[in-house]
């Protein structure tokens, strides 16, 4: 992994060995208080305990090897039994920085391509470290030239054959630098500082960062800034000068040149463009785009969507893991990424450098506002109005038919999912019932709905089986996700007196419906839900047994 860098990195290198020692006693520099002043190469031949470096603890075992850069705080804890066997070398590394005639100048290094626990067959490492430890103080005296050669050979072996003991250790440090750039893109960010944060030489840091992220640190930082600028331009509330200052450019003209080089057009022209290659991180928003006649190049899908859109495995909720790889998004090369606010932090973490991110708030806006906002984003306002007009006409017709059946009766909505009961309001499952058809909800549900604008805020209330008595209604719709959910509801109906005495249960005016279709809060699903209710209500209103 590091072999290609070995010869070039160590060419002309000089070493000053400050300490070379073999001892069972932990060294003074491993007290966990002061940062070490030199590079530390530590080999634990035998022993049990732990080594804490910069707050990260690693368990010690036989044949453990570690390398740390100056400035690292190390704390070594060892068990006395069995007696430990350790060898360590504290050294400084100087690399050639210039030539002038017969003179040479060197710069002391504070980073090295490898850092932390290392994984390597220890035989040659052990032999060279024991040779240096045997020389002791002479490694800085009359044996210094031999010690220089041993040190060079030792580091060359590390670069040619070693690798981090845990692949994730290096990856975690690289991702930490990406986190820093996302948090500090408005400020001056120096590559030397990022490399130091990763514990790597700047040249090697750039190389391995690109391997992990698909672009160099400089490109990553530039794209972060320009994508943020694109987001601000799309919002339309700031001038070019204000946007330049917001993302860290003091000169708006220099910013405009950099923006054009990245985006293909200057900021004002970009403001008139509409995204063509859109990735949707939310299944409902993918549905919105499709309703507007926009086919995203990829997106999260629900099971009722037509084929033709490349599916992405994405988190549904903020706590869900992120499974989609960066490679997928880099290959798609989107103009815009669309998401809900509950996944925005993960979208910024994984995709903020790839494309501008448009976040449409989820819970604080209803389906009509979602469609309005997304249509404005993609320039499809007439299509949104056409859908709204068609939906209103269909809802009015269904509303008239529903009133003939239900009249002034009330309707309750109860979902059983994973051993939990939920009473729904006017969002998700409840939209078609309470907003499209304007059916009356039980009093306790209406109390909750009055606290929020229509279709926002309140979604559902968790109840115990006995609490169904507080939601008496003339009609009851029961939503289940699995066969087991339905079995549990049927057991409540058969065995729980509060369920058996519920007015809708007694009259047989209740029905089981598919959770998977009704939970989807998206335009195409609202249409399908209305169609199902238009077919269901006449049968439910005329029968005395449930179905």
Protein backbone atom coordinates (compact mmCIF):
# COMPACT_ATOMS: atom_id res chain seq x y z
CA UNK A 1 0.00 0.00 0.00
CA UNK A 2 2.87 2.39 0.83
CA UNK A 3 5.63 0.79 -1.28
CA UNK A 4 5.43 3.35 -4.09
CA UNK A 5 6.08 6.14 -1.61
CA UNK A 6 9.00 4.50 0.20
CA UNK A 7 11.92 5.48 -2.03
CA UNK A 8 10.73 9.00 -2.81
CA UNK A 9 9.71 9.83 0.76
CA UNK A 10 12.96 8.68 2.41
CA UNK A 11 15.32 9.91 -0.30
CA UNK A 12 17.98 12.04 1.39
CA UNK A 13 16.32 11.66 4.81
CA UNK A 14 18.31 12.25 8.00
CA UNK A 15 17.45 10.94 11.46
CA UNK A 16 18.25 12.03 14.99
CA UNK A 17 17.67 9.22 17.46
CA UNK A 18 16.83 10.75 20.83
CA UNK A 19 16.24 7.47 22.65
CA UNK A 20 16.54 3.77 21.81
CA UNK A 21 15.65 1.49 24.68
CA UNK A 22 14.50 -2.02 25.64
CA UNK A 23 12.77 -2.14 29.02
CA UNK A 24 9.78 -3.64 30.89
CA UNK A 25 9.09 -0.23 32.50
CA UNK A 26 6.83 2.26 30.67
CA UNK A 27 8.79 5.30 29.45
CA UNK A 28 8.29 8.79 30.88
CA UNK A 29 6.78 10.11 27.64
CA UNK A 30 3.83 7.67 27.99
CA UNK A 31 2.29 9.42 31.03
CA UNK A 32 -0.83 10.64 29.19
CA UNK A 33 -0.17 14.24 30.19
CA UNK A 34 2.37 15.79 27.84
CA UNK A 35 2.45 15.38 24.06
CA UNK A 36 5.51 13.54 22.82
CA UNK A 37 8.26 15.71 21.29
CA UNK A 38 9.52 13.14 18.77
CA UNK A 39 8.29 10.32 16.57
CA UNK A 40 7.70 7.24 18.71
CA UNK A 41 8.11 3.71 17.35
CA UNK A 42 6.99 1.21 19.99
CA UNK A 43 7.19 -2.58 19.76
CA UNK A 44 5.55 -4.68 22.51
CA UNK A 45 7.04 -8.14 22.15
CA UNK A 46 5.17 -9.52 25.16
CA UNK A 47 2.69 -7.96 27.51
CA UNK A 48 -0.93 -7.15 28.23
CA UNK A 49 -2.52 -3.77 28.80
CA UNK A 50 -3.64 -0.83 26.70
CA UNK A 51 -2.24 2.17 24.88
CA UNK A 52 -4.24 5.38 24.69
CA UNK A 53 -3.30 7.76 21.87
CA UNK A 54 -5.12 11.07 21.36
CA UNK A 55 -8.07 9.67 23.31
CA UNK A 56 -8.29 6.41 21.32
CA UNK A 57 -7.57 3.24 23.31
CA UNK A 58 -6.01 0.12 21.76
CA UNK A 59 -5.63 -3.19 23.58
CA UNK A 60 -2.07 -4.51 23.73
CA UNK A 61 -1.17 -8.05 22.79
CA UNK A 62 2.05 -9.86 21.95
CA UNK A 63 3.89 -8.50 18.90
CA UNK A 64 2.06 -5.14 18.86
CA UNK A 65 3.67 -2.38 16.82
CA UNK A 66 2.84 1.36 16.96
CA UNK A 67 4.11 4.55 15.34
CA UNK A 68 3.06 8.04 16.47
CA UNK A 69 3.99 11.54 15.35
CA UNK A 70 5.24 14.42 17.49
CA UNK A 71 2.44 16.16 19.35
CA UNK A 72 0.52 12.97 20.19
CA UNK A 73 -0.45 12.40 23.82
CA UNK A 74 0.27 8.78 24.75
CA UNK A 75 -0.68 6.86 27.87
CA UNK A 76 0.61 3.34 28.37
CA UNK A 77 -0.89 0.96 30.94
CA UNK A 78 0.73 -2.45 31.40
CA UNK A 79 -0.07 -5.41 33.60
CA UNK A 80 2.86 -6.52 35.76
CA UNK A 81 2.17 -10.21 35.24
CA UNK A 82 3.38 -11.53 32.89
CA UNK A 83 6.37 -9.14 32.81
CA UNK A 84 6.22 -7.03 29.63
CA UNK A 85 8.97 -6.88 27.01
CA UNK A 86 9.11 -3.59 25.10
CA UNK A 87 11.42 -1.80 22.68
CA UNK A 88 10.96 1.81 21.63
CA UNK A 89 12.74 4.43 19.59
CA UNK A 90 12.17 8.17 19.87
CA UNK A 91 13.50 9.93 16.79
CA UNK A 92 13.27 13.04 14.62
CA UNK A 93 13.00 12.89 10.85
CA UNK A 94 14.43 15.54 8.51
CA UNK A 95 13.72 15.65 4.77
CA UNK A 96 15.74 17.46 2.14
CA UNK A 97 14.08 20.76 1.25
CA UNK A 98 16.66 22.44 -0.99
CA UNK A 99 20.14 22.50 -2.51
CA UNK A 100 22.47 25.45 -3.06
CA UNK A 101 25.87 24.50 -4.40
CA UNK A 102 27.51 22.28 -1.83
CA UNK A 103 25.00 23.11 0.90
CA UNK A 104 21.81 21.26 1.71
CA UNK A 105 18.82 22.37 3.78
CA UNK A 106 16.52 20.04 5.69
CA UNK A 107 13.09 20.47 7.31
CA UNK A 108 12.02 18.62 10.44
CA UNK A 109 8.90 16.56 9.76
CA UNK A 110 5.87 16.28 12.02
CA UNK A 111 3.93 13.79 9.91
CA UNK A 112 4.51 10.34 8.47
CA UNK A 113 2.45 8.26 6.00
CA UNK A 114 1.80 5.66 8.71
CA UNK A 115 0.49 6.30 12.19
CA UNK A 116 -1.18 4.33 14.94
CA UNK A 117 -1.31 0.54 15.38
CA UNK A 118 0.49 -1.26 12.54
CA UNK A 119 0.15 -4.75 11.17
CA UNK A 120 3.39 -6.40 10.03
CA UNK A 121 5.31 -9.66 10.38
CA UNK A 122 7.67 -8.55 13.19
CA UNK A 123 10.91 -10.50 12.59
CA UNK A 124 12.91 -7.85 10.67
CA UNK A 125 11.38 -4.99 12.62
CA UNK A 126 12.27 -6.66 15.91
CA UNK A 127 15.86 -7.32 14.81
CA UNK A 128 16.50 -3.73 13.73
CA UNK A 129 14.85 -2.23 16.80
CA UNK A 130 16.88 -4.48 19.10
CA UNK A 131 20.06 -3.46 17.25
CA UNK A 132 19.25 0.21 17.80
CA UNK A 133 18.31 -0.38 21.45
CA UNK A 134 21.60 -2.23 22.00
CA UNK A 135 23.51 0.80 20.75
CA UNK A 136 21.66 2.96 23.28
CA UNK A 137 23.29 6.37 23.69
CA UNK A 138 25.92 5.40 21.11
CA UNK A 139 23.21 5.70 18.44
CA UNK A 140 23.77 9.45 18.85
CA UNK A 141 27.55 9.17 19.18
CA UNK A 142 30.14 7.08 17.43
CA UNK A 143 27.51 4.62 16.14
CA UNK A 144 25.34 7.33 14.66
CA UNK A 145 26.11 6.47 11.01
CA UNK A 146 25.21 2.80 11.50
CA UNK A 147 22.15 3.93 13.45
CA UNK A 148 21.16 6.20 10.54
CA UNK A 149 21.25 3.21 8.20
CA UNK A 150 19.30 1.00 10.60
CA UNK A 151 16.68 3.72 11.02
CA UNK A 152 16.39 4.19 7.27
CA UNK A 153 16.00 0.44 6.74
CA UNK A 154 13.45 0.23 9.53
CA UNK A 155 11.20 2.96 8.10
CA UNK A 156 11.62 1.64 4.56
CA UNK A 157 10.37 -1.77 5.73
CA UNK A 158 7.39 -0.08 7.35
CA UNK A 159 6.51 1.88 4.21
CA UNK A 160 6.96 -1.10 1.91
CA UNK A 161 5.16 -3.75 3.90
CA UNK A 162 3.13 -2.33 6.74
CA UNK A 163 -0.49 -1.30 6.81
CA UNK A 164 -2.78 0.08 9.50
CA UNK A 165 -3.75 -2.67 11.93
CA UNK A 166 -7.36 -1.70 11.29
CA UNK A 167 -8.29 -0.42 7.85
CA UNK A 168 -10.88 1.77 9.50
CA UNK A 169 -8.22 3.54 11.58
CA UNK A 170 -6.79 5.34 8.54
CA UNK A 171 -10.22 5.80 7.01
CA UNK A 172 -11.54 7.36 10.22
CA UNK A 173 -8.73 9.94 10.23
CA UNK A 174 -9.38 10.82 6.59
CA UNK A 175 -13.10 11.20 7.24
CA UNK A 176 -12.26 13.42 10.20
CA UNK A 177 -10.51 15.81 7.82
CA UNK A 178 -13.59 15.76 5.56
CA UNK A 179 -15.72 16.61 8.61
CA UNK A 180 -13.41 19.51 9.35
CA UNK A 181 -13.70 20.87 5.80
CA UNK A 182 -17.50 20.69 5.94
CA UNK A 183 -17.50 22.61 9.21
CA UNK A 184 -14.83 25.15 8.20
CA UNK A 185 -15.30 25.73 4.46
CA UNK A 186 -15.94 29.44 5.10
CA UNK A 187 -12.44 29.79 6.59
CA UNK A 188 -8.92 29.39 5.27
CA UNK A 189 -8.15 25.66 5.19
CA UNK A 190 -4.51 24.61 4.69
CA UNK A 191 -3.63 21.21 3.30
CA UNK A 192 -0.72 20.97 5.73
CA UNK A 193 -3.15 21.28 8.64
CA UNK A 194 -5.43 18.60 7.20
CA UNK A 195 -2.50 16.26 6.67
CA UNK A 196 -1.36 16.86 10.23
CA UNK A 197 -4.85 16.10 11.48
CA UNK A 198 -4.70 12.77 9.64
CA UNK A 199 -1.17 12.09 10.88
CA UNK A 200 0.11 11.79 7.30
CA UNK A 201 2.65 13.46 5.06
CA UNK A 202 0.83 16.07 2.89
CA UNK A 203 1.69 14.34 -0.40
CA UNK A 204 0.51 10.98 0.84
CA UNK A 205 -2.54 12.47 2.55
CA UNK A 206 -3.78 13.89 -0.76
CA UNK A 207 -3.20 10.53 -2.44
CA UNK A 208 -5.11 8.38 0.07
CA UNK A 209 -7.89 10.98 0.48
CA UNK A 210 -8.53 10.75 -3.25
CA UNK A 211 -8.61 6.96 -3.07
CA UNK A 212 -11.29 7.12 -0.38
CA UNK A 213 -13.40 10.09 -1.54
CA UNK A 214 -12.92 10.01 -5.31
CA UNK A 215 -11.29 13.45 -5.44
CA UNK A 216 -8.40 15.36 -3.90
CA UNK A 217 -8.84 17.41 -0.71
CA UNK A 218 -8.52 20.63 -2.75
CA UNK A 219 -11.28 19.52 -5.13
CA UNK A 220 -13.43 18.33 -2.21
CA UNK A 221 -13.19 21.71 -0.48
CA UNK A 222 -13.84 23.65 -3.70
CA UNK A 223 -16.92 21.57 -4.49
CA UNK A 224 -18.26 22.01 -0.95
CA UNK A 225 -18.02 25.78 -1.35
CA UNK A 226 -19.49 25.91 -4.84
CA UNK A 227 -22.39 23.60 -4.02
CA UNK A 228 -23.24 25.78 -1.03
CA UNK A 229 -23.11 28.79 -3.36
CA UNK A 230 -25.52 27.04 -5.74
CA UNK A 231 -27.93 26.39 -2.88
CA UNK A 232 -27.87 30.07 -1.90
CA UNK A 233 -28.39 31.12 -5.52
CA UNK A 234 -31.42 28.82 -5.81
CA UNK A 235 -32.89 30.33 -2.65
CA UNK A 236 -32.68 33.73 -4.35
CA UNK A 237 -32.34 35.83 -1.20
CA UNK A 238 -28.68 36.93 -1.37
CA UNK A 239 -26.59 38.94 -3.82
CA UNK A 240 -23.51 37.49 -5.51
CA UNK A 241 -21.32 39.57 -3.19
CA UNK A 242 -23.12 38.25 -0.11
CA UNK A 243 -22.88 34.66 -1.34
CA UNK A 244 -19.15 35.02 -2.03
CA UNK A 245 -18.57 36.34 1.48
CA UNK A 246 -20.75 33.63 3.03
CA UNK A 247 -18.66 30.80 1.57
CA UNK A 248 -15.28 32.38 2.31
CA UNK A 249 -14.37 34.51 -0.75
CA UNK A 250 -13.48 38.13 -0.03
CA UNK A 251 -13.40 39.01 -3.76
CA UNK A 252 -16.75 38.49 -5.50
CA UNK A 253 -15.13 38.66 -8.96
CA UNK A 254 -12.66 35.91 -8.10
CA UNK A 255 -15.57 33.91 -6.70
CA UNK A 256 -17.53 34.39 -9.94
CA UNK A 257 -14.59 33.12 -11.99
CA UNK A 258 -14.19 30.08 -9.75
CA UNK A 259 -17.94 29.47 -9.86
CA UNK A 260 -18.03 29.59 -13.66
CA UNK A 261 -15.08 27.20 -13.89
CA UNK A 262 -16.95 24.72 -11.68
CA UNK A 263 -20.60 25.21 -12.71
CA UNK A 264 -20.12 26.08 -16.39
CA UNK A 265 -21.86 29.45 -16.10
CA UNK A 266 -21.55 32.58 -13.94
CA UNK A 267 -23.78 32.89 -10.85
CA UNK A 268 -26.50 35.06 -12.44
CA UNK A 269 -26.87 32.73 -15.43
CA UNK A 270 -26.93 29.72 -13.12
CA UNK A 271 -29.91 31.25 -11.29
CA UNK A 272 -31.96 30.93 -14.51
CA UNK A 273 -31.10 27.26 -15.04
CA UNK A 274 -33.25 24.37 -13.88
CA UNK A 275 -31.70 21.12 -12.77
CA UNK A 276 -31.95 18.27 -15.27
CA UNK A 277 -30.20 15.43 -13.42
CA UNK A 278 -31.94 15.11 -10.06
CA UNK A 279 -31.39 12.51 -7.35
CA UNK A 280 -34.20 12.17 -4.81
CA UNK A 281 -33.32 10.82 -1.36
CA UNK A 282 -36.98 10.53 -0.33
CA UNK A 283 -39.56 8.16 -1.82
CA UNK A 284 -42.43 10.68 -1.40
CA UNK A 285 -40.39 13.38 -3.14
CA UNK A 286 -39.51 10.96 -5.94
CA UNK A 287 -43.28 10.50 -6.33
CA UNK A 288 -43.75 14.28 -6.43
CA UNK A 289 -41.18 14.62 -9.21
CA UNK A 290 -42.81 11.84 -11.21
CA UNK A 291 -46.22 13.47 -10.74
CA UNK A 292 -44.77 16.70 -12.17
CA UNK A 293 -43.42 14.88 -15.22
CA UNK A 294 -39.81 14.89 -14.02
CA UNK A 295 -38.02 11.54 -14.04
CA UNK A 296 -35.04 11.69 -11.65
CA UNK A 297 -31.85 9.93 -12.68
CA UNK A 298 -32.04 7.96 -9.41
CA UNK A 299 -33.97 7.99 -6.18
CA UNK A 300 -35.49 6.25 -3.22
CA UNK A 301 -38.65 4.49 -4.44
CA UNK A 302 -41.81 3.11 -2.88
CA UNK A 303 -43.21 -0.19 -4.07
CA UNK A 304 -46.07 1.33 -6.07
CA UNK A 305 -43.91 3.54 -8.29
CA UNK A 306 -43.54 2.65 -11.97
CA UNK A 307 -40.23 1.26 -13.14
CA UNK A 308 -37.72 3.36 -15.02
CA UNK A 309 -36.02 5.16 -12.14
CA UNK A 310 -32.72 3.81 -10.83
CA UNK A 311 -33.35 2.78 -7.19
CA UNK A 312 -31.06 3.85 -4.36
CA UNK A 313 -30.74 2.17 -0.95
CA UNK A 314 -31.12 5.13 1.37
CA UNK A 315 -32.14 5.71 5.00
CA UNK A 316 -35.84 6.33 5.57
CA UNK A 317 -35.29 7.94 8.96
CA UNK A 318 -32.47 9.93 10.54
CA UNK A 319 -31.45 7.00 12.77
CA UNK A 320 -31.19 4.53 9.88
CA UNK A 321 -27.73 3.63 8.52
CA UNK A 322 -26.47 5.13 5.27
CA UNK A 323 -25.85 2.27 2.83
CA UNK A 324 -25.43 3.96 -0.56
CA UNK A 325 -21.81 4.36 -1.67
CA UNK A 326 -20.27 7.63 -2.83
CA UNK A 327 -19.29 5.88 -6.04
CA UNK A 328 -22.96 5.61 -7.04
CA UNK A 329 -23.50 9.35 -6.70
CA UNK A 330 -20.21 10.31 -8.33
CA UNK A 331 -21.16 8.13 -11.30
CA UNK A 332 -24.63 9.71 -11.52
CA UNK A 333 -23.11 13.23 -11.50
CA UNK A 334 -26.39 14.94 -10.46
CA UNK A 335 -27.21 18.65 -10.82
CA UNK A 336 -29.36 18.59 -7.69
CA UNK A 337 -30.04 16.37 -4.69
CA UNK A 338 -33.53 16.55 -3.17
CA UNK A 339 -34.23 15.40 0.38
CA UNK A 340 -36.31 15.76 3.54
CA UNK A 341 -34.99 17.70 6.50
CA UNK A 342 -34.75 14.54 8.62
CA UNK A 343 -31.99 13.11 6.38
CA UNK A 344 -30.30 16.43 5.58
CA UNK A 345 -27.38 15.94 8.03
CA UNK A 346 -26.51 12.59 6.44
CA UNK A 347 -26.92 14.01 2.95
CA UNK A 348 -24.47 16.81 3.74
CA UNK A 349 -22.03 14.38 5.34
CA UNK A 350 -21.96 11.98 2.40
CA UNK A 351 -22.91 14.12 -0.61
CA UNK A 352 -22.29 17.80 0.15
CA UNK A 353 -19.35 17.95 -2.26
CA UNK A 354 -21.15 16.14 -5.10
CA UNK A 355 -24.13 18.42 -5.82
CA UNK A 356 -26.20 21.19 -4.22
CA UNK A 357 -28.80 19.85 -1.80
CA UNK A 358 -32.37 21.16 -1.77
CA UNK A 359 -34.14 20.35 1.48
CA UNK A 360 -37.95 20.43 1.58
CA UNK A 361 -39.19 20.36 5.21
CA UNK A 362 -41.28 17.26 5.83
CA UNK A 363 -43.40 17.36 8.99
CA UNK A 364 -43.96 21.13 9.06
CA UNK A 365 -45.53 21.20 5.57
CA UNK A 366 -48.36 19.20 4.06
CA UNK A 367 -48.49 17.36 0.75
CA UNK A 368 -49.86 20.36 -1.14
CA UNK A 369 -47.01 22.59 0.04
CA UNK A 370 -44.49 19.84 -0.78
CA UNK A 371 -45.78 19.75 -4.35
CA UNK A 372 -45.76 23.53 -4.60
CA UNK A 373 -42.17 23.84 -3.36
CA UNK A 374 -40.82 21.04 -5.54
CA UNK A 375 -42.59 22.35 -8.63
CA UNK A 376 -41.00 25.78 -8.09
CA UNK A 377 -37.61 24.13 -7.71
CA UNK A 378 -37.85 22.30 -11.05
CA UNK A 379 -39.91 24.87 -12.96
CA UNK A 380 -43.10 22.78 -13.19
CA UNK A 381 -45.64 25.04 -11.48
CA UNK A 382 -48.34 24.51 -14.19
CA UNK A 383 -48.09 20.72 -13.75
CA UNK A 384 -48.54 21.12 -9.99
CA UNK A 385 -51.63 23.26 -10.49
CA UNK A 386 -53.07 20.75 -12.96
CA UNK A 387 -52.65 17.91 -10.47
CA UNK A 388 -54.19 20.00 -7.70
CA UNK A 389 -57.22 20.88 -9.84
CA UNK A 390 -57.76 17.25 -10.86
CA UNK A 391 -57.43 16.07 -7.27
CA UNK A 392 -59.90 18.69 -6.03
CA UNK A 393 -62.46 17.59 -8.62
CA UNK A 394 -62.04 13.91 -7.70
CA UNK A 395 -62.19 14.70 -3.97
CA UNK A 396 -65.39 16.72 -4.35
CA UNK A 397 -67.11 13.87 -6.18
CA UNK A 398 -65.92 11.32 -3.61
CA UNK A 399 -66.95 13.66 -0.79
CA UNK A 400 -70.54 13.85 -2.03
CA UNK A 401 -70.74 10.07 -2.28
CA UNK A 402 -69.22 9.62 1.19
CA UNK A 403 -71.70 11.99 2.82
CA UNK A 404 -74.61 9.98 1.44
CA UNK A 405 -73.21 6.92 3.21
CA UNK A 406 -71.66 8.28 6.39
CA UNK A 407 -73.62 11.49 6.87
CA UNK A 408 -72.51 13.16 10.08
CA UNK A 409 -70.99 9.95 11.45
CA UNK A 410 -67.45 9.84 12.78
CA UNK A 411 -64.49 7.82 11.51
CA UNK A 412 -61.50 6.52 13.49
CA UNK A 413 -58.23 5.24 12.04
CA UNK A 414 -56.15 2.72 13.99
CA UNK A 415 -52.92 1.08 12.82
CA UNK A 416 -51.28 -1.98 14.36
CA UNK A 417 -47.57 -2.21 13.70
CA UNK A 418 -44.88 -4.16 15.53
CA UNK A 419 -47.03 -4.71 18.64
CA UNK A 420 -47.96 -1.02 18.82
CA UNK A 421 -51.35 0.64 18.27
CA UNK A 422 -51.58 4.10 16.73
CA UNK A 423 -54.52 6.44 16.20
CA UNK A 424 -53.92 8.59 13.13
CA UNK A 425 -54.77 12.20 12.42
CA UNK A 426 -55.06 14.02 9.08
CA UNK A 427 -51.59 13.23 7.73
CA UNK A 428 -50.24 10.11 6.00
CA UNK A 429 -52.96 7.49 6.54
CA UNK A 430 -55.49 10.13 7.54
CA UNK A 431 -55.19 12.53 4.59
CA UNK A 432 -57.75 10.92 2.28
CA UNK A 433 -60.25 10.46 5.14
CA UNK A 434 -60.03 13.75 6.99
CA UNK A 435 -58.82 16.20 4.34
CA UNK A 436 -59.91 14.88 0.95
CA UNK A 437 -63.29 13.50 2.11
CA UNK A 438 -63.58 15.83 5.14
CA UNK A 439 -64.92 13.02 7.34
CA UNK A 440 -65.39 13.78 11.03
CA UNK A 441 -62.74 12.44 13.40
CA UNK A 442 -63.36 11.35 17.03
CA UNK A 443 -63.35 14.23 19.51
CA UNK A 444 -59.90 13.41 20.94
CA UNK A 445 -58.37 13.40 17.45
CA UNK A 446 -60.04 16.71 16.61
CA UNK A 447 -58.55 18.24 19.75
CA UNK A 448 -55.08 17.28 18.52
CA UNK A 449 -55.71 18.51 14.97
CA UNK A 450 -56.81 21.95 16.15
CA UNK A 451 -53.34 22.54 17.61
CA UNK A 452 -51.59 22.53 14.20
CA UNK A 453 -52.09 23.83 10.65
CA UNK A 454 -53.89 21.23 8.49
CA UNK A 455 -51.73 18.24 7.60
CA UNK A 456 -48.77 19.26 9.76
CA UNK A 457 -47.45 18.67 13.25
CA UNK A 458 -49.69 15.91 14.58
CA UNK A 459 -49.41 12.56 12.82
CA UNK A 460 -50.44 9.80 15.22
CA UNK A 461 -50.94 8.98 18.90
CA UNK A 462 -49.76 5.74 20.48
CA UNK A 463 -52.42 3.97 22.57
CA UNK A 464 -52.79 0.85 24.71
CA UNK A 465 -55.45 -1.69 23.67
CA UNK A 466 -57.84 -0.50 26.40
CA UNK A 467 -57.59 3.12 25.24
CA UNK A 468 -59.60 2.36 22.10
CA UNK A 469 -62.63 3.25 24.24
CA UNK A 470 -61.54 6.90 24.07
CA UNK A 471 -61.85 6.88 20.28
CA UNK A 472 -65.43 5.78 19.74
CA UNK A 473 -66.63 6.27 16.16
CA UNK A 474 -69.31 5.08 13.74
CA UNK A 475 -66.70 3.71 11.33
CA UNK A 476 -63.31 2.19 12.15
CA UNK A 477 -60.53 1.50 9.67
CA UNK A 478 -57.74 -0.83 10.80
CA UNK A 479 -54.35 -0.81 9.07
CA UNK A 480 -51.92 -3.72 9.30
CA UNK A 481 -48.44 -4.26 7.88
CA UNK A 482 -48.06 -8.02 8.48
CA UNK A 483 -50.34 -11.04 9.02
CA UNK A 484 -49.25 -11.05 12.67
CA UNK A 485 -50.47 -7.45 13.05
CA UNK A 486 -53.92 -8.51 11.84
CA UNK A 487 -53.98 -11.52 14.15
CA UNK A 488 -53.25 -9.27 17.13
CA UNK A 489 -56.06 -6.87 16.17
CA UNK A 490 -58.52 -9.73 15.72
CA UNK A 491 -57.54 -11.01 19.18
CA UNK A 492 -58.30 -7.56 20.65
CA UNK A 493 -61.69 -7.57 18.94
CA UNK A 494 -62.49 -11.05 20.23
CA UNK A 495 -61.13 -10.81 23.78
CA UNK A 496 -60.94 -7.17 24.87
CA UNK A 497 -64.30 -5.78 26.11
CA UNK A 498 -63.40 -2.22 25.11
CA UNK A 499 -62.84 -3.36 21.53
CA UNK A 500 -65.92 -5.57 21.48
CA UNK A 501 -68.11 -2.68 22.69
CA UNK A 502 -66.71 -0.12 20.23
CA UNK A 503 -69.66 1.24 18.15
CA UNK A 504 -68.03 0.45 14.79
CA UNK A 505 -67.16 -3.09 15.91
CA UNK A 506 -70.69 -3.74 17.20
CA UNK A 507 -72.26 -2.54 13.95
CA UNK A 508 -69.76 -4.33 11.72
CA UNK A 509 -68.68 -1.07 10.11
CA UNK A 510 -64.97 -1.67 10.24
CA UNK A 511 -62.45 -2.77 7.64
CA UNK A 512 -58.86 -3.97 7.42
CA UNK A 513 -56.61 -2.07 5.00
CA UNK A 514 -53.00 -2.42 3.83
CA UNK A 515 -50.62 -0.26 5.85
CA UNK A 516 -48.05 -0.30 3.03
CA UNK A 517 -50.35 1.53 0.62
CA UNK A 518 -51.97 3.94 3.05
CA UNK A 519 -48.87 5.13 4.90
CA UNK A 520 -47.37 6.64 1.75
CA UNK A 521 -47.89 10.40 1.79
CA UNK A 522 -47.38 11.23 -1.87
CA UNK A 523 -49.51 12.50 -4.78
CA UNK A 524 -49.94 9.26 -6.73
CA UNK A 525 -50.87 7.40 -3.54
CA UNK A 526 -53.46 9.99 -2.50
CA UNK A 527 -55.16 9.39 -5.86
CA UNK A 528 -55.13 5.61 -5.34
CA UNK A 529 -56.41 5.93 -1.78
CA UNK A 530 -59.36 8.02 -2.93
CA UNK A 531 -60.18 5.43 -5.57
CA UNK A 532 -60.10 2.63 -2.98
CA UNK A 533 -62.37 4.57 -0.61
CA UNK A 534 -64.84 5.26 -3.42
CA UNK A 535 -65.14 1.49 -3.86
CA UNK A 536 -65.01 0.56 -0.17
CA UNK A 537 -67.43 2.98 1.50
CA UNK A 538 -70.64 1.88 -0.29
CA UNK A 539 -69.98 -1.74 0.68
CA UNK A 540 -69.06 -0.83 4.25
CA UNK A 541 -72.07 1.42 4.71
CA UNK A 542 -74.56 -1.23 3.63
CA UNK A 543 -73.16 -4.29 5.41
CA UNK A 544 -73.48 -5.56 8.94
CA UNK A 545 -70.24 -7.54 9.01
CA UNK A 546 -66.72 -6.31 8.55
CA UNK A 547 -64.38 -7.10 5.67
